[in-house]
N, C-alpha and C. Protein backbone atom coordinates (compact mmCIF):
# COMPACT_ATOMS: atom_id res chain seq x y z
N MET A 1 -57.32 237.87 161.11
CA MET A 1 -56.35 237.66 160.72
C MET A 1 -55.28 238.42 161.02
N ASP A 2 -54.28 237.84 162.06
CA ASP A 2 -53.16 238.78 162.22
C ASP A 2 -52.42 239.21 161.10
N GLU A 3 -51.05 240.27 162.12
CA GLU A 3 -50.71 240.78 160.65
C GLU A 3 -49.35 240.29 160.23
N LEU A 4 -48.91 238.82 160.85
CA LEU A 4 -48.09 238.18 159.74
C LEU A 4 -48.95 237.04 158.72
N GLY A 5 -50.23 236.61 158.77
CA GLY A 5 -50.70 236.21 158.83
C GLY A 5 -51.65 236.91 157.35
N LEU A 6 -51.77 238.09 157.13
CA LEU A 6 -51.85 239.28 155.88
C LEU A 6 -50.66 239.44 155.27
N ARG A 7 -49.48 239.63 155.96
CA ARG A 7 -48.45 240.30 154.94
C ARG A 7 -48.33 238.66 154.53
N ASN A 8 -48.30 236.88 155.22
CA ASN A 8 -48.22 236.10 154.53
C ASN A 8 -48.98 235.75 153.06
N ASP A 9 -49.88 236.49 153.42
CA ASP A 9 -51.01 235.93 152.31
C ASP A 9 -50.91 237.05 151.33
N VAL A 10 -50.65 238.20 151.36
CA VAL A 10 -50.65 239.57 150.04
C VAL A 10 -48.87 239.02 149.24
N TYR A 11 -48.03 238.41 149.85
CA TYR A 11 -46.69 238.62 149.02
C TYR A 11 -46.26 237.04 149.52
N ARG A 12 -46.90 236.04 149.47
CA ARG A 12 -46.64 234.60 149.90
C ARG A 12 -46.58 234.57 147.86
N ARG A 13 -46.94 234.97 147.03
CA ARG A 13 -45.72 234.45 145.81
C ARG A 13 -45.04 235.32 145.33
N PRO A 14 -44.45 236.04 145.63
CA PRO A 14 -42.84 236.85 145.45
C PRO A 14 -41.69 236.19 146.20
N LEU A 15 -42.05 236.30 147.92
CA LEU A 15 -41.53 235.00 148.68
C LEU A 15 -41.13 234.11 148.31
N ALA A 16 -42.46 232.89 147.63
CA ALA A 16 -42.08 231.75 147.32
C ALA A 16 -41.13 231.27 145.90
N THR A 17 -41.55 232.57 145.26
CA THR A 17 -40.35 232.63 143.95
C THR A 17 -39.35 233.22 144.37
N ALA A 18 -39.27 233.66 145.33
CA ALA A 18 -37.46 233.80 145.24
C ALA A 18 -36.98 233.22 145.92
N LEU A 19 -37.52 232.35 146.71
CA LEU A 19 -36.60 230.97 148.01
C LEU A 19 -36.54 229.65 146.44
N GLU A 20 -37.76 229.81 145.54
CA GLU A 20 -37.59 228.57 144.93
C GLU A 20 -36.29 229.26 143.93
N ARG A 21 -35.97 230.35 143.58
CA ARG A 21 -35.28 231.39 142.57
C ARG A 21 -33.87 230.59 143.18
N ALA A 22 -33.83 230.50 144.54
CA ALA A 22 -32.23 230.42 145.02
C ALA A 22 -31.97 229.13 145.11
N GLY A 23 -32.98 227.97 145.17
CA GLY A 23 -33.17 227.11 145.54
C GLY A 23 -32.46 226.38 147.11
N VAL A 24 -33.34 227.05 147.48
CA VAL A 24 -33.45 226.45 148.71
C VAL A 24 -33.88 225.52 149.39
N GLY A 25 -32.87 224.98 150.25
CA GLY A 25 -33.99 222.96 150.29
C GLY A 25 -32.98 222.97 151.90
N PRO A 26 -33.42 221.74 151.76
CA PRO A 26 -33.31 221.15 153.02
C PRO A 26 -31.75 220.84 153.68
N GLY A 27 -31.52 221.28 155.08
CA GLY A 27 -30.23 221.65 155.18
C GLY A 27 -29.90 222.85 155.06
N TRP A 28 -30.20 223.69 154.58
CA TRP A 28 -29.54 225.26 154.58
C TRP A 28 -29.58 226.30 156.07
N ARG A 29 -28.40 226.57 155.51
CA ARG A 29 -28.04 227.83 156.99
C ARG A 29 -28.56 229.15 156.17
N CYS A 30 -29.81 229.56 156.67
CA CYS A 30 -30.36 231.01 156.37
C CYS A 30 -30.39 232.04 157.76
N VAL A 31 -30.05 233.04 157.27
CA VAL A 31 -30.47 234.21 158.00
C VAL A 31 -31.49 235.52 157.28
N ASP A 32 -32.55 235.44 158.44
CA ASP A 32 -33.47 236.17 158.25
C ASP A 32 -33.53 237.74 158.85
N VAL A 33 -32.61 238.38 157.98
CA VAL A 33 -32.22 239.95 159.14
C VAL A 33 -33.42 240.62 158.79
N GLY A 34 -33.70 241.43 160.11
CA GLY A 34 -34.87 242.22 160.25
C GLY A 34 -36.17 241.87 160.03
N ALA A 35 -36.31 240.37 160.88
CA ALA A 35 -37.18 238.91 160.99
C ALA A 35 -38.37 239.77 161.13
N GLY A 36 -38.63 241.05 162.19
CA GLY A 36 -40.06 241.32 162.53
C GLY A 36 -40.82 241.08 162.81
N SER A 37 -42.12 240.30 162.10
CA SER A 37 -43.20 239.32 162.66
C SER A 37 -42.90 238.08 162.45
N GLY A 38 -41.97 237.60 161.22
CA GLY A 38 -40.86 235.88 161.23
C GLY A 38 -42.21 235.06 159.96
N ASP A 39 -42.49 235.75 159.53
CA ASP A 39 -42.86 235.63 158.05
C ASP A 39 -42.06 234.45 157.04
N VAL A 40 -40.90 235.44 156.84
CA VAL A 40 -39.88 235.11 156.13
C VAL A 40 -39.08 233.60 156.58
N SER A 41 -39.15 233.70 157.63
CA SER A 41 -38.24 232.86 158.85
C SER A 41 -39.07 231.97 158.88
N VAL A 42 -40.91 231.80 158.85
CA VAL A 42 -41.15 231.06 159.07
C VAL A 42 -41.10 229.76 158.03
N ALA A 43 -41.56 230.79 156.60
CA ALA A 43 -41.01 229.64 154.99
C ALA A 43 -39.61 229.15 155.34
N LEU A 44 -39.19 229.94 155.54
CA LEU A 44 -37.65 229.13 155.75
C LEU A 44 -37.31 227.94 156.76
N ALA A 45 -38.17 228.39 157.64
CA ALA A 45 -38.30 227.25 157.81
C ALA A 45 -38.68 225.75 158.07
N GLY A 46 -39.80 226.11 157.45
CA GLY A 46 -40.28 225.25 156.60
C GLY A 46 -39.74 224.41 155.39
N ILE A 47 -39.30 225.15 154.60
CA ILE A 47 -38.65 224.25 153.47
C ILE A 47 -37.11 223.53 154.12
N VAL A 48 -36.45 223.92 155.16
CA VAL A 48 -34.51 224.01 155.21
C VAL A 48 -35.03 222.71 156.41
N GLY A 49 -36.14 222.43 157.19
CA GLY A 49 -36.02 220.98 157.59
C GLY A 49 -35.55 220.95 159.21
N GLU A 50 -35.64 219.70 159.46
CA GLU A 50 -34.87 219.36 160.76
C GLU A 50 -32.97 219.36 160.55
N THR A 51 -32.41 219.70 159.91
CA THR A 51 -31.40 219.35 159.38
C THR A 51 -30.92 220.87 159.15
N GLY A 52 -31.68 221.73 158.83
CA GLY A 52 -31.00 223.29 158.40
C GLY A 52 -31.00 224.27 159.58
N ARG A 53 -30.74 225.27 159.94
CA ARG A 53 -30.63 225.99 161.01
C ARG A 53 -30.97 227.79 160.37
N ILE A 54 -31.78 228.03 160.82
CA ILE A 54 -32.41 229.85 160.94
C ILE A 54 -31.78 230.61 161.36
N TYR A 55 -31.19 231.41 161.08
CA TYR A 55 -30.65 232.83 162.19
C TYR A 55 -32.16 234.17 162.18
N ALA A 56 -32.67 234.34 163.12
CA ALA A 56 -33.78 235.46 163.18
C ALA A 56 -33.12 236.37 163.75
N VAL A 57 -32.81 237.49 162.70
CA VAL A 57 -32.30 238.55 163.69
C VAL A 57 -32.94 240.05 163.40
N ASP A 58 -32.86 240.51 164.27
CA ASP A 58 -33.49 241.94 164.37
C ASP A 58 -33.58 242.51 165.79
N SER A 59 -32.57 243.84 165.79
CA SER A 59 -32.50 245.02 166.54
C SER A 59 -33.51 245.04 167.71
N ASP A 60 -34.86 244.54 167.46
CA ASP A 60 -36.15 244.46 168.66
C ASP A 60 -36.14 243.43 169.30
N PRO A 61 -35.84 243.48 170.57
CA PRO A 61 -35.25 241.60 171.30
C PRO A 61 -36.94 241.19 170.80
N ARG A 62 -38.10 241.78 171.20
CA ARG A 62 -39.44 241.38 171.00
C ARG A 62 -39.70 241.25 169.68
N ALA A 63 -39.60 241.66 168.86
CA ALA A 63 -39.54 241.57 167.27
C ALA A 63 -38.67 239.69 167.14
N ARG A 64 -37.52 239.88 167.18
CA ARG A 64 -36.41 238.65 167.27
C ARG A 64 -37.78 237.06 167.84
N ASP A 65 -37.73 237.53 169.81
CA ASP A 65 -38.18 236.10 170.02
C ASP A 65 -39.40 235.71 169.10
N ALA A 66 -40.52 236.68 169.13
CA ALA A 66 -41.44 236.48 167.92
C ALA A 66 -41.09 235.79 166.70
N ALA A 67 -40.31 235.97 165.92
CA ALA A 67 -39.82 235.43 164.61
C ALA A 67 -39.47 234.38 164.82
N ALA A 68 -38.79 234.13 165.85
CA ALA A 68 -37.66 232.84 166.60
C ALA A 68 -38.91 231.74 166.48
N ALA A 69 -40.42 232.55 167.58
CA ALA A 69 -41.05 231.37 168.01
C ALA A 69 -42.17 230.89 166.99
N ALA A 70 -42.23 231.73 166.48
CA ALA A 70 -43.31 231.95 165.37
C ALA A 70 -42.45 230.34 164.45
N ALA A 71 -41.40 230.68 163.87
CA ALA A 71 -40.15 229.48 162.54
C ALA A 71 -40.44 228.57 163.11
N ALA A 72 -40.31 228.49 164.69
CA ALA A 72 -39.57 227.43 165.88
C ALA A 72 -41.25 226.36 165.65
N ALA A 73 -42.41 227.15 165.95
CA ALA A 73 -43.64 226.18 165.77
C ALA A 73 -44.19 225.60 164.60
N ALA A 74 -43.06 226.34 163.25
CA ALA A 74 -44.18 226.12 162.28
C ALA A 74 -43.21 224.84 161.48
N GLY A 75 -41.86 224.39 162.28
CA GLY A 75 -40.88 223.49 161.74
C GLY A 75 -40.03 222.89 162.52
N ARG A 76 -38.96 221.86 162.03
CA ARG A 76 -38.13 221.47 163.32
C ARG A 76 -36.71 222.00 163.02
N ALA A 77 -36.73 222.73 162.36
CA ALA A 77 -35.36 223.67 161.83
C ALA A 77 -34.92 224.09 162.91
N GLN A 78 -33.87 224.27 163.48
CA GLN A 78 -33.36 224.52 164.66
C GLN A 78 -32.89 226.51 164.47
N VAL A 79 -33.87 226.89 165.24
CA VAL A 79 -33.79 228.62 165.04
C VAL A 79 -32.82 229.43 166.21
N VAL A 80 -32.37 230.35 165.34
CA VAL A 80 -31.59 230.79 166.70
C VAL A 80 -31.72 232.04 166.50
N ALA A 81 -32.28 232.74 167.76
CA ALA A 81 -32.88 234.10 167.89
C ALA A 81 -31.55 234.88 168.40
N LEU A 82 -30.98 236.48 167.28
CA LEU A 82 -30.07 237.35 167.77
C LEU A 82 -31.12 238.80 167.70
N THR A 83 -29.90 239.09 168.56
CA THR A 83 -30.58 240.23 168.29
C THR A 83 -29.66 241.47 167.76
N GLN A 84 -29.20 242.04 166.69
CA GLN A 84 -28.01 242.63 165.98
C GLN A 84 -28.78 243.63 165.07
N ALA A 85 -28.59 244.80 165.19
CA ALA A 85 -29.04 245.88 163.86
C ALA A 85 -28.43 245.19 162.51
N GLY A 86 -29.17 245.32 161.26
CA GLY A 86 -28.17 244.74 160.22
C GLY A 86 -27.35 245.55 159.87
N GLU A 87 -26.55 246.80 160.05
CA GLU A 87 -25.14 247.14 159.70
C GLU A 87 -24.47 246.91 160.48
N ASP A 88 -24.60 245.59 161.65
CA ASP A 88 -23.79 245.24 162.73
C ASP A 88 -23.99 243.29 162.60
N LEU A 89 -24.33 242.77 161.70
CA LEU A 89 -24.21 241.14 161.08
C LEU A 89 -23.20 241.09 161.68
N ILE A 90 -23.15 240.05 162.37
CA ILE A 90 -22.37 239.15 163.13
C ILE A 90 -22.81 237.73 162.95
N LEU A 91 -22.56 236.29 162.52
CA LEU A 91 -23.01 235.24 162.86
C LEU A 91 -21.51 234.53 162.74
N PRO A 92 -22.16 233.22 164.39
CA PRO A 92 -21.03 232.15 164.21
C PRO A 92 -21.17 231.58 162.87
N GLU A 93 -21.59 231.55 161.90
CA GLU A 93 -21.14 230.16 160.69
C GLU A 93 -21.09 230.72 159.80
N GLU A 94 -20.71 230.84 158.13
CA GLU A 94 -21.64 231.20 157.24
C GLU A 94 -22.71 230.67 156.49
N VAL A 95 -23.57 231.43 156.20
CA VAL A 95 -24.97 230.63 155.59
C VAL A 95 -24.89 230.59 154.04
N ASP A 96 -25.87 230.15 153.79
CA ASP A 96 -26.13 229.66 152.17
C ASP A 96 -26.78 230.53 151.48
N LEU A 97 -27.46 231.24 152.50
CA LEU A 97 -28.55 232.59 152.48
C LEU A 97 -28.57 233.71 153.26
N ALA A 98 -28.61 234.69 152.57
CA ALA A 98 -28.99 236.39 153.79
C ALA A 98 -30.50 236.83 152.84
N PHE A 99 -31.21 236.92 154.20
CA PHE A 99 -32.51 237.34 153.54
C PHE A 99 -33.05 238.57 154.02
N CYS A 100 -33.43 239.32 152.71
CA CYS A 100 -34.27 240.90 154.03
C CYS A 100 -35.02 241.30 152.71
N ARG A 101 -35.80 241.86 154.10
CA ARG A 101 -37.50 241.81 153.40
C ARG A 101 -38.01 243.18 153.88
N PHE A 102 -38.11 244.37 153.48
CA PHE A 102 -38.35 245.84 154.03
C PHE A 102 -37.55 246.25 155.38
N LEU A 103 -36.39 245.86 155.11
CA LEU A 103 -35.85 246.58 156.47
C LEU A 103 -34.73 247.81 155.64
N LEU A 104 -34.24 247.61 154.15
CA LEU A 104 -33.28 248.72 153.90
C LEU A 104 -33.82 249.73 153.58
N MET A 105 -35.35 249.94 153.54
CA MET A 105 -36.21 250.97 153.48
C MET A 105 -35.87 251.99 154.56
N HIS A 106 -35.71 251.24 156.21
CA HIS A 106 -35.77 251.47 157.10
C HIS A 106 -33.78 251.99 157.94
N VAL A 107 -33.39 251.47 157.58
CA VAL A 107 -32.25 251.83 157.48
C VAL A 107 -31.22 253.09 157.06
N VAL A 108 -29.92 253.28 157.23
CA VAL A 108 -29.67 254.82 157.86
C VAL A 108 -28.56 254.59 156.16
N GLU A 109 -28.29 253.38 156.26
CA GLU A 109 -27.61 253.01 154.70
C GLU A 109 -27.38 251.57 154.41
N PRO A 110 -28.62 251.31 153.22
CA PRO A 110 -28.57 250.38 152.60
C PRO A 110 -27.44 249.76 152.41
N GLU A 111 -26.59 250.20 151.53
CA GLU A 111 -25.79 249.70 151.16
C GLU A 111 -24.28 248.88 151.78
N VAL A 112 -24.70 249.62 153.33
CA VAL A 112 -23.92 248.66 154.66
C VAL A 112 -24.03 247.62 155.15
N VAL A 113 -25.56 247.57 154.89
CA VAL A 113 -26.49 246.09 155.20
C VAL A 113 -26.28 245.14 154.44
N VAL A 114 -26.41 245.52 153.37
CA VAL A 114 -26.16 244.41 152.21
C VAL A 114 -24.79 243.78 151.97
N ASP A 115 -23.65 244.61 152.23
CA ASP A 115 -22.49 244.19 152.44
C ASP A 115 -22.35 243.32 153.41
N ARG A 116 -22.77 243.85 154.97
CA ARG A 116 -22.71 242.92 156.23
C ARG A 116 -23.70 241.66 155.58
N MET A 117 -25.25 241.54 154.64
CA MET A 117 -25.71 240.25 154.48
C MET A 117 -24.24 239.70 153.54
N ALA A 118 -23.66 240.17 152.69
CA ALA A 118 -22.63 239.48 151.73
C ALA A 118 -22.08 238.74 152.23
N ARG A 119 -21.23 239.39 153.57
CA ARG A 119 -19.81 238.58 154.01
C ARG A 119 -20.87 237.69 155.11
N ALA A 120 -21.50 237.99 155.31
CA ALA A 120 -22.53 236.71 155.82
C ALA A 120 -22.14 235.46 155.12
N THR A 121 -22.36 235.58 153.71
CA THR A 121 -22.84 234.34 153.15
C THR A 121 -21.45 233.63 152.82
N ARG A 122 -21.73 232.69 152.49
CA ARG A 122 -20.43 232.03 151.66
C ARG A 122 -19.95 231.72 150.65
N ARG A 123 -19.29 231.67 150.20
CA ARG A 123 -19.03 231.87 148.39
C ARG A 123 -20.17 230.87 147.72
N GLY A 124 -20.33 231.56 146.74
CA GLY A 124 -21.35 230.50 146.09
C GLY A 124 -22.52 230.38 146.92
N GLY A 125 -23.16 231.18 148.03
CA GLY A 125 -23.99 231.88 148.33
C GLY A 125 -24.86 232.32 147.82
N PHE A 126 -26.14 232.73 148.30
CA PHE A 126 -27.03 233.88 147.53
C PHE A 126 -27.64 234.83 148.92
N VAL A 127 -27.89 235.76 148.61
CA VAL A 127 -27.95 237.17 148.90
C VAL A 127 -29.51 237.57 148.36
N VAL A 128 -30.60 237.44 148.85
CA VAL A 128 -31.92 238.12 148.80
C VAL A 128 -32.80 238.95 149.63
N LEU A 129 -32.83 239.95 149.03
CA LEU A 129 -33.32 241.36 149.26
C LEU A 129 -34.87 242.15 148.24
N GLN A 130 -36.30 241.79 149.10
CA GLN A 130 -36.99 242.04 148.94
C GLN A 130 -37.99 243.94 149.11
N GLU A 131 -37.82 244.61 148.38
CA GLU A 131 -37.94 246.11 149.07
C GLU A 131 -39.23 246.96 148.41
N PRO A 132 -39.67 247.86 148.83
CA PRO A 132 -40.39 248.07 147.83
C PRO A 132 -40.66 249.53 146.87
N VAL A 133 -41.48 250.23 145.95
CA VAL A 133 -40.90 251.44 145.43
C VAL A 133 -42.27 252.04 146.10
N THR A 134 -42.39 252.62 147.29
CA THR A 134 -43.71 253.18 147.77
C THR A 134 -44.54 254.29 146.75
N SER A 135 -43.75 254.70 146.14
CA SER A 135 -44.46 256.05 145.16
C SER A 135 -45.00 255.59 144.29
N ALA A 136 -44.68 254.33 143.82
CA ALA A 136 -45.38 253.89 142.80
C ALA A 136 -46.52 252.96 143.06
N GLY A 137 -46.78 253.04 144.28
CA GLY A 137 -48.56 252.76 144.77
C GLY A 137 -49.09 253.21 144.65
N ARG A 138 -50.79 252.59 145.28
CA ARG A 138 -51.82 253.86 144.38
C ARG A 138 -52.93 253.63 144.71
N ILE A 139 -53.72 254.47 145.78
CA ILE A 139 -54.80 254.45 146.37
C ILE A 139 -55.56 255.69 145.52
N ASP A 140 -57.42 254.59 145.04
CA ASP A 140 -57.69 255.60 144.62
C ASP A 140 -56.96 256.09 143.19
N GLY A 141 -56.30 255.86 142.71
CA GLY A 141 -55.45 256.73 141.45
C GLY A 141 -54.42 257.17 142.14
N LEU A 142 -53.71 257.62 143.42
CA LEU A 142 -53.35 258.97 143.86
C LEU A 142 -52.09 257.98 144.75
N ALA A 143 -51.15 259.18 144.04
CA ALA A 143 -49.72 258.21 144.37
C ALA A 143 -49.47 257.47 145.79
N MET A 144 -48.78 257.02 146.95
CA MET A 144 -48.84 256.13 148.12
C MET A 144 -47.66 257.10 148.55
N SER A 145 -47.48 257.31 149.96
CA SER A 145 -46.07 257.96 150.18
C SER A 145 -45.88 256.97 152.26
N MET A 146 -44.64 257.00 152.21
CA MET A 146 -44.22 256.37 153.60
C MET A 146 -43.44 257.34 154.15
N PRO A 147 -43.73 258.21 154.89
CA PRO A 147 -42.83 259.87 155.17
C PRO A 147 -42.17 258.73 156.11
N ASP A 148 -42.39 257.95 157.12
CA ASP A 148 -41.70 257.33 158.11
C ASP A 148 -40.39 256.82 157.69
N ALA A 149 -40.20 256.39 156.48
CA ALA A 149 -39.12 255.19 156.16
C ALA A 149 -38.17 256.07 155.38
N ARG A 150 -36.79 255.94 156.28
CA ARG A 150 -35.67 256.88 154.87
C ARG A 150 -35.96 256.96 153.76
N HIS A 151 -35.93 255.36 153.28
CA HIS A 151 -35.61 255.05 151.86
C HIS A 151 -37.01 254.46 151.18
N PRO A 152 -38.23 255.20 150.96
CA PRO A 152 -39.51 254.10 150.75
C PRO A 152 -39.37 253.88 149.34
N ASP A 153 -38.39 253.92 148.11
CA ASP A 153 -38.10 253.57 147.05
C ASP A 153 -36.58 253.31 146.66
N VAL A 154 -36.54 252.60 148.12
CA VAL A 154 -35.07 251.78 147.58
C VAL A 154 -35.50 250.78 146.33
N GLY A 155 -36.54 249.91 146.45
CA GLY A 155 -36.29 249.00 145.75
C GLY A 155 -36.28 248.90 143.89
N ALA A 156 -35.87 250.27 143.84
CA ALA A 156 -36.10 250.90 142.49
C ALA A 156 -34.20 250.44 141.74
N ILE A 157 -33.13 251.05 143.23
CA ILE A 157 -31.64 250.77 143.03
C ILE A 157 -30.86 249.27 143.16
N LEU A 158 -32.08 248.60 144.19
CA LEU A 158 -31.79 247.32 144.26
C LEU A 158 -30.78 246.76 143.26
N PRO A 159 -30.90 246.66 142.18
CA PRO A 159 -30.30 245.64 141.36
C PRO A 159 -28.41 246.04 140.99
N ALA A 160 -28.17 247.72 140.83
CA ALA A 160 -27.39 249.07 141.04
C ALA A 160 -26.47 248.52 142.65
N VAL A 161 -27.44 248.16 143.59
CA VAL A 161 -26.77 248.13 145.03
C VAL A 161 -25.71 246.93 145.08
N VAL A 162 -26.64 245.69 144.44
CA VAL A 162 -25.62 244.74 144.35
C VAL A 162 -24.45 244.41 143.80
N ARG A 163 -24.62 245.66 141.95
CA ARG A 163 -23.64 245.17 141.35
C ARG A 163 -22.45 245.20 142.17
N ALA A 164 -23.02 247.30 142.54
CA ALA A 164 -21.56 247.79 143.30
C ALA A 164 -21.10 247.14 143.80
N LEU A 165 -21.52 246.31 144.84
CA LEU A 165 -20.87 245.43 145.77
C LEU A 165 -19.98 244.42 145.74
N GLY A 166 -20.09 243.93 143.77
CA GLY A 166 -19.54 242.86 144.09
C GLY A 166 -20.17 241.52 143.67
N LEU A 167 -21.99 241.36 143.71
CA LEU A 167 -22.12 240.13 143.64
C LEU A 167 -23.12 240.09 142.28
N ALA A 168 -22.80 238.82 141.97
CA ALA A 168 -23.98 238.10 141.19
C ALA A 168 -25.32 238.57 140.34
N LEU A 169 -25.80 239.42 140.11
CA LEU A 169 -27.19 239.38 139.76
C LEU A 169 -27.76 238.43 139.42
N VAL A 170 -28.84 237.81 139.88
CA VAL A 170 -28.87 236.47 139.24
C VAL A 170 -30.23 236.59 138.38
N ASP A 171 -31.17 237.15 139.17
CA ASP A 171 -32.60 237.82 139.20
C ASP A 171 -33.07 238.74 139.71
N ALA A 172 -34.00 239.53 139.34
CA ALA A 172 -34.64 240.82 139.66
C ALA A 172 -36.19 240.85 138.55
N TRP A 173 -37.18 241.42 140.11
CA TRP A 173 -38.26 241.87 139.41
C TRP A 173 -39.34 242.17 140.58
N ALA A 174 -40.29 242.54 139.92
CA ALA A 174 -41.10 243.21 140.49
C ALA A 174 -42.00 242.88 140.56
N GLU A 175 -42.83 242.85 141.63
CA GLU A 175 -44.46 242.06 141.68
C GLU A 175 -45.43 243.50 142.65
N ALA A 176 -46.84 243.64 142.12
CA ALA A 176 -47.51 244.48 143.05
C ALA A 176 -49.01 244.39 143.57
N PRO A 177 -49.77 243.15 144.55
CA PRO A 177 -50.70 243.00 144.68
C PRO A 177 -51.64 243.99 144.44
N ALA A 178 -52.90 244.15 143.63
CA ALA A 178 -53.93 244.70 143.45
C ALA A 178 -55.24 244.54 143.98
N GLY A 179 -55.99 245.64 144.07
CA GLY A 179 -57.23 244.55 144.46
C GLY A 179 -58.20 246.23 144.65
N ALA A 180 -59.29 245.94 145.10
CA ALA A 180 -60.56 247.25 145.11
C ALA A 180 -61.91 246.28 146.03
N GLY A 181 -62.22 246.62 146.72
CA GLY A 181 -63.20 246.13 147.90
C GLY A 181 -62.52 245.75 149.70
N PRO A 182 -63.33 244.86 149.62
CA PRO A 182 -62.80 244.01 151.01
C PRO A 182 -61.82 243.09 150.06
N GLY A 183 -61.07 242.17 150.98
CA GLY A 183 -60.04 241.18 150.62
C GLY A 183 -58.83 241.38 151.27
N ALA A 184 -58.33 240.32 151.32
CA ALA A 184 -56.42 240.73 151.84
C ALA A 184 -55.87 242.46 151.76
N VAL A 185 -56.01 242.61 150.65
CA VAL A 185 -54.74 244.05 150.52
C VAL A 185 -55.48 244.75 151.37
N ALA A 186 -56.90 245.18 151.06
CA ALA A 186 -57.52 246.29 152.02
C ALA A 186 -57.60 245.75 153.15
N ARG A 187 -57.14 244.70 153.94
CA ARG A 187 -57.15 244.47 154.88
C ARG A 187 -55.75 245.17 155.35
N TYR A 188 -54.65 244.74 154.50
CA TYR A 188 -52.98 245.03 154.84
C TYR A 188 -52.78 246.31 154.50
N LEU A 189 -53.50 246.97 153.91
CA LEU A 189 -53.18 248.43 154.30
C LEU A 189 -53.75 248.88 155.02
N SER A 190 -55.05 248.38 155.82
CA SER A 190 -55.67 249.06 156.47
C SER A 190 -54.44 248.73 158.23
N SER A 191 -54.22 247.75 157.91
CA SER A 191 -52.98 247.45 159.07
C SER A 191 -51.60 248.06 159.45
N LEU A 192 -51.76 248.46 158.12
CA LEU A 192 -50.47 249.43 158.06
C LEU A 192 -50.52 250.83 158.37
N THR A 193 -51.49 251.37 158.16
CA THR A 193 -51.82 252.80 157.72
C THR A 193 -52.87 253.11 158.68
N GLY A 194 -54.43 252.54 159.49
CA GLY A 194 -54.95 252.66 160.04
C GLY A 194 -55.89 253.10 159.84
N VAL A 195 -56.11 253.47 157.95
CA VAL A 195 -57.33 253.66 157.68
C VAL A 195 -57.73 252.99 156.21
N ASP A 196 -59.09 252.27 156.63
CA ASP A 196 -59.49 251.72 155.65
C ASP A 196 -60.19 252.56 153.94
N PRO A 197 -59.25 251.30 153.34
CA PRO A 197 -59.82 252.00 151.83
C PRO A 197 -61.40 251.87 151.27
N GLY A 198 -61.72 250.88 152.74
CA GLY A 198 -63.36 250.62 151.84
C GLY A 198 -63.03 250.54 150.17
N ASP A 199 -63.69 250.74 149.47
CA ASP A 199 -64.22 250.17 148.04
C ASP A 199 -62.95 251.11 147.01
N ASP A 200 -62.32 251.33 147.16
CA ASP A 200 -61.60 252.79 146.62
C ASP A 200 -60.24 251.11 145.78
N PRO A 201 -59.62 251.67 144.57
CA PRO A 201 -59.01 250.47 143.53
C PRO A 201 -57.57 250.97 144.82
N VAL A 202 -56.68 250.06 144.54
CA VAL A 202 -55.61 249.93 145.63
C VAL A 202 -54.45 248.96 144.89
N VAL A 203 -53.41 249.54 144.61
CA VAL A 203 -52.13 248.41 144.24
C VAL A 203 -51.26 248.93 145.07
N LEU A 204 -51.24 247.80 145.46
CA LEU A 204 -49.68 248.20 146.52
C LEU A 204 -48.76 248.10 146.16
N PRO A 205 -47.54 248.97 146.56
CA PRO A 205 -46.04 249.58 146.27
C PRO A 205 -45.93 248.09 145.44
N PRO A 206 -45.08 248.41 144.72
CA PRO A 206 -44.36 247.17 143.89
C PRO A 206 -43.78 247.05 145.07
N LEU A 207 -43.03 245.37 144.36
CA LEU A 207 -41.66 244.50 145.72
C LEU A 207 -40.88 244.51 144.90
N VAL A 208 -39.58 244.75 145.19
CA VAL A 208 -38.66 244.94 144.27
C VAL A 208 -37.65 243.46 144.65
N THR A 209 -37.41 242.37 143.57
CA THR A 209 -36.93 241.04 144.36
C THR A 209 -35.33 241.18 143.46
N VAL A 210 -34.69 240.69 144.40
CA VAL A 210 -33.28 241.15 144.09
C VAL A 210 -32.37 239.38 144.57
N VAL A 211 -32.22 238.98 143.49
CA VAL A 211 -31.19 237.32 143.66
C VAL A 211 -30.14 237.53 143.48
N ALA A 212 -29.10 238.01 144.38
CA ALA A 212 -27.57 237.66 143.87
C ALA A 212 -27.22 236.58 144.63
N ARG A 213 -25.83 236.65 144.13
CA ARG A 213 -25.07 235.50 144.68
C ARG A 213 -23.66 235.72 144.79
N ARG A 214 -22.60 235.54 145.64
CA ARG A 214 -21.40 235.53 146.51
C ARG A 214 -20.50 234.81 144.92
N SER A 215 -20.11 235.52 144.60
CA SER A 215 -19.05 234.48 143.26
C SER A 215 -17.79 234.18 143.94
């Protein structure tokens, strides 16, 4: 199973719950900021259908193209690929939903990116953020770390970030996939770190989801 399939398998439930909570439906205009391997764009394309539009945005043209191709193959939605950093997000139209996952942990100023996402969203539209609390993850009882991330625990402050920007907080929760021995959790962790946890118990970092609305 490739990385897209692994991530989709491990994080399917929080993604589906977030999109359902926001009420995403046919005809919606959505932007996937930091589209990466495309799992969110794929899920959105399947929901918005041929009358909807997905903007797959990434600062890496290769990731952008991969996300757009995966989304186009998965659904009949129009998929537009854009090369932009989250801090520079500008779209040709307002969208109903701005979404990011595993992005804010890597940027210099998470608040700036969320503000740009909010400005790209129509009034009454939704901003959905999914970010981890890395240090809360465990491998064989030991805390996880991610030294390459600028803000590895940014998930812990997401509700405060959206409120500070004047967005209405609709919902917020955290989910942490767990496992021991062979399975999707171990394979996903191995794909990220290059280290197989073997039979050690693993709790992946809780993924905090915030659903906010532009009033």
